[in-house]
Amino acid sequence: IKLAKELKVGDSVFVPGIRWSREQFQVLIGTLLGDAHLELSKETKIPCYQLTHSGKQKNYLRFVRDMLAPHAKIRKRKESDSWTFRFTHVSLVNIYPKFYKNRRKKVSEEILSMLDERGLAIWYMDDGYLWNKYVEFCTHGFTKEENYLIAKFLKEKWQINAKVYYRKPRKKSKGCLLYTSP
C-alpha cells in the first residue's frame, strides 16, 4: 500500500469500503472461522479468499461461491477429491486484519461479536459435525485461549454449553477442539 504522494501514473488504485450484504458477511465470517482462509498478496496487498472441501461437500462449496463470488470457478485439485474456489476482492482489505496477525488466523471478541445465527450455522456447515449427541467444531487451528474465548462467547450469546478438549495434534494443529453438550 502506498501513500497518495507515492503514486505514479499507471499505478492501480483500490478503494476499500465496498459493503457486503448481511447474508454475505455472515457467510464470510462463518467460513473464515472454519476452513476458509485469506492470503495477503505481497504485490497488491489485496487479500485472496480461498475455500476447499471434499467432493462430498461440493454443493456446499457451490452455495458459498454463489453467495460470495458467483463468477469464481470451482476447480478440482490435482490428485485429490478436493474442490476449491478463490477470489480477490478489495473489501477483504478491511477484513484481513480482523482475522490475521503475523499471517496467523486468530479469533477475537471483535470477530465473535459480528457473528449471528446465520454465521454460526455456516461455521457449523463449514467446519463442524455431529458426533454422537454432540456438535463438534474443529477449532484446533486456534489457540487454547481462543477456544476458551469461543466457548465463553457461545455460552453468553446463545446459552450453548461448549467445552474445550484436547486431542493429540495432527500435522500442525494445536490439538484443541470445541464441542457442545446437550
Protein backbone atom coordinates (compact mmCIF):
# COMPACT_ATOMS: atom_id res chain seq x y z
CA ILE A 1 0.00 0.00 0.00
CA LYS A 2 1.37 3.37 -1.00
CA LEU A 3 0.68 6.87 0.21
CA ALA A 4 -1.05 9.13 -2.31
CA LYS A 5 2.13 11.18 -2.81
CA GLU A 6 3.99 7.98 -3.81
CA LEU A 7 1.57 7.09 -6.63
CA LYS A 8 2.78 7.23 -10.21
CA VAL A 9 0.85 7.36 -13.48
CA GLY A 10 -0.30 3.84 -14.27
CA ASP A 11 -0.50 2.61 -10.63
CA SER A 12 -3.72 0.86 -9.67
CA VAL A 13 -5.85 2.50 -7.00
CA PHE A 14 -8.21 0.40 -4.89
CA VAL A 15 -10.89 1.96 -2.73
CA PRO A 16 -11.76 -0.14 0.33
CA GLY A 17 -15.19 0.10 1.85
CA ILE A 18 -17.40 -1.87 -0.54
CA ARG A 19 -20.09 -3.34 1.68
CA TRP A 20 -21.21 -6.94 1.82
CA SER A 21 -24.89 -7.72 2.37
CA ARG A 22 -25.72 -9.11 5.85
CA GLU A 23 -26.08 -12.61 4.42
CA GLN A 24 -22.79 -12.41 2.52
CA PHE A 25 -20.99 -11.05 5.57
CA GLN A 26 -22.20 -13.95 7.73
CA VAL A 27 -21.10 -16.46 5.09
CA LEU A 28 -17.71 -14.74 5.03
CA ILE A 29 -17.35 -14.71 8.85
CA GLY A 30 -18.63 -18.28 9.29
CA THR A 31 -16.33 -19.73 6.64
CA LEU A 32 -13.31 -17.78 7.88
CA LEU A 33 -13.91 -19.19 11.36
CA GLY A 34 -13.93 -22.55 9.60
CA ASP A 35 -11.87 -23.82 6.68
CA ALA A 36 -11.61 -20.68 4.54
CA HIS A 37 -8.51 -18.57 4.64
CA LEU A 38 -7.19 -15.29 3.30
CA GLU A 39 -3.81 -14.92 1.64
CA LEU A 40 -2.33 -11.45 1.50
CA SER A 41 -0.76 -10.63 -1.85
CA LYS A 42 2.75 -9.26 -1.39
CA GLU A 43 2.37 -7.23 -4.55
CA THR A 44 -1.06 -5.62 -4.25
CA LYS A 45 -1.75 -6.11 -0.52
CA ILE A 46 -5.25 -7.24 -1.53
CA PRO A 47 -6.28 -10.49 0.20
CA CYS A 48 -7.38 -13.54 -1.74
CA TYR A 49 -10.13 -15.70 -0.19
CA GLN A 50 -9.89 -19.47 -0.66
CA LEU A 51 -12.14 -22.31 0.43
CA THR A 52 -11.51 -26.01 -0.23
CA HIS A 53 -13.74 -29.00 0.56
CA SER A 54 -14.03 -32.63 -0.44
CA GLY A 55 -16.20 -33.78 -3.32
CA LYS A 56 -18.90 -34.78 -0.80
CA GLN A 57 -19.28 -31.11 0.09
CA LYS A 58 -19.22 -29.70 -3.43
CA ASN A 59 -22.82 -28.45 -3.18
CA TYR A 60 -21.92 -26.55 0.00
CA LEU A 61 -18.88 -25.11 -1.80
CA ARG A 62 -21.18 -24.01 -4.65
CA PHE A 63 -23.52 -22.33 -2.15
CA VAL A 64 -20.64 -20.35 -0.59
CA ARG A 65 -19.24 -19.43 -4.01
CA ASP A 66 -22.68 -18.29 -5.20
CA MET A 67 -23.06 -16.10 -2.11
CA LEU A 68 -19.61 -14.50 -2.20
CA ALA A 69 -18.24 -14.63 -5.75
CA PRO A 70 -20.70 -16.10 -8.26
CA HIS A 71 -18.30 -15.71 -11.18
CA ALA A 72 -15.44 -17.58 -9.48
CA LYS A 73 -14.70 -21.00 -10.91
CA ILE A 74 -14.75 -24.10 -8.72
CA ARG A 75 -11.77 -26.24 -9.62
CA LYS A 76 -10.82 -29.81 -8.79
CA ARG A 77 -7.47 -30.08 -7.05
CA LYS A 78 -4.92 -32.33 -8.67
CA GLU A 79 -4.57 -35.86 -7.30
CA SER A 80 -7.30 -35.27 -4.75
CA ASP A 81 -11.06 -35.46 -4.25
CA SER A 82 -10.96 -31.82 -3.12
CA TRP A 83 -12.56 -28.89 -4.85
CA THR A 84 -11.65 -25.25 -4.32
CA PHE A 85 -12.54 -21.73 -5.33
CA ARG A 86 -10.79 -18.45 -4.74
CA PHE A 87 -11.38 -14.79 -5.39
CA THR A 88 -9.82 -11.45 -4.63
CA HIS A 89 -11.98 -8.54 -3.54
CA VAL A 90 -10.87 -5.12 -2.37
CA SER A 91 -13.25 -5.15 0.61
CA LEU A 92 -11.25 -8.06 2.06
CA VAL A 93 -8.60 -5.45 2.90
CA ASN A 94 -10.81 -4.38 5.83
CA ILE A 95 -11.44 -7.96 6.96
CA TYR A 96 -7.91 -9.35 6.81
CA PRO A 97 -6.52 -7.51 9.88
CA LYS A 98 -9.51 -8.61 11.98
CA PHE A 99 -8.73 -12.29 11.30
CA TYR A 100 -4.95 -12.34 10.96
CA LYS A 101 -1.97 -11.27 12.99
CA ASN A 102 1.50 -12.04 11.64
CA ARG A 103 -0.18 -14.14 8.91
CA ARG A 104 -1.80 -16.44 11.52
CA LYS A 105 -5.57 -16.75 11.72
CA LYS A 106 -6.90 -15.60 15.08
CA VAL A 107 -10.19 -15.29 16.93
CA SER A 108 -11.08 -12.22 18.95
CA GLU A 109 -14.07 -10.80 20.78
CA GLU A 110 -14.47 -8.36 17.89
CA ILE A 111 -14.83 -11.19 15.35
CA LEU A 112 -17.20 -13.18 17.55
CA SER A 113 -19.37 -10.11 18.22
CA MET A 114 -20.03 -9.89 14.45
CA LEU A 115 -21.34 -13.47 14.32
CA ASP A 116 -25.10 -14.02 14.23
CA GLU A 117 -27.17 -17.21 13.97
CA ARG A 118 -26.61 -17.46 10.22
CA GLY A 119 -22.85 -17.12 10.65
CA LEU A 120 -22.88 -19.79 13.36
CA ALA A 121 -24.84 -22.12 11.06
CA ILE A 122 -22.37 -21.50 8.24
CA TRP A 123 -19.44 -22.16 10.59
CA TYR A 124 -21.07 -25.45 11.63
CA MET A 125 -21.65 -26.47 8.00
CA ASP A 126 -18.09 -25.50 7.14
CA ASP A 127 -16.11 -26.96 9.99
CA GLY A 128 -18.45 -28.72 12.39
CA TYR A 129 -20.08 -32.09 12.63
CA LEU A 130 -22.46 -34.14 14.74
CA TRP A 131 -20.68 -36.73 16.85
CA ASN A 132 -22.96 -38.99 18.92
CA LYS A 133 -25.13 -36.40 20.67
CA TYR A 134 -22.58 -33.60 20.49
CA VAL A 135 -21.84 -30.90 17.97
CA GLU A 136 -18.13 -30.51 17.48
CA PHE A 137 -16.29 -27.61 15.87
CA CYS A 138 -12.81 -28.30 14.54
CA THR A 139 -11.10 -25.37 16.22
CA HIS A 140 -7.67 -26.95 16.51
CA GLY A 141 -6.22 -24.16 14.34
CA PHE A 142 -6.87 -21.73 17.17
CA THR A 143 -5.00 -21.46 20.45
CA LYS A 144 -6.32 -22.92 23.69
CA GLU A 145 -7.09 -19.38 24.89
CA GLU A 146 -9.02 -18.63 21.70
CA ASN A 147 -11.01 -21.85 22.15
CA TYR A 148 -11.96 -20.80 25.67
CA LEU A 149 -12.97 -17.38 24.33
CA ILE A 150 -15.24 -19.06 21.77
CA ALA A 151 -16.78 -21.31 24.46
CA LYS A 152 -17.47 -18.28 26.67
CA PHE A 153 -19.00 -16.40 23.75
CA LEU A 154 -21.33 -19.31 22.82
CA LYS A 155 -22.50 -19.56 26.44
CA GLU A 156 -23.10 -15.83 26.84
CA LYS A 157 -24.77 -15.19 23.48
CA TRP A 158 -26.79 -18.37 22.90
CA GLN A 159 -26.60 -20.33 26.17
CA ILE A 160 -24.72 -23.07 24.34
CA ASN A 161 -22.63 -25.14 26.73
CA ALA A 162 -19.34 -25.63 24.93
CA LYS A 163 -16.27 -27.36 26.26
CA VAL A 164 -12.71 -27.24 25.06
CA TYR A 165 -10.92 -30.54 24.97
CA TYR A 166 -7.55 -31.69 23.82
CA ARG A 167 -6.88 -34.33 21.20
CA LYS A 168 -3.43 -35.45 20.11
CA PRO A 169 -2.37 -32.93 17.46
CA ARG A 170 -2.37 -33.87 13.79
CA LYS A 171 0.10 -32.19 11.48
CA LYS A 172 0.46 -28.54 12.59
CA SER A 173 -2.72 -28.35 14.68
CA LYS A 174 -2.69 -27.34 18.31
CA GLY A 175 -4.93 -30.20 19.38
CA CYS A 176 -7.86 -28.23 20.87
CA LEU A 177 -11.40 -28.90 19.74
CA LEU A 178 -14.68 -27.43 20.87
CA TYR A 179 -17.82 -29.45 21.45
CA THR A 180 -21.25 -28.59 22.74
CA SER A 181 -23.02 -30.65 25.30
CA PRO A 182 -26.76 -31.33 25.17
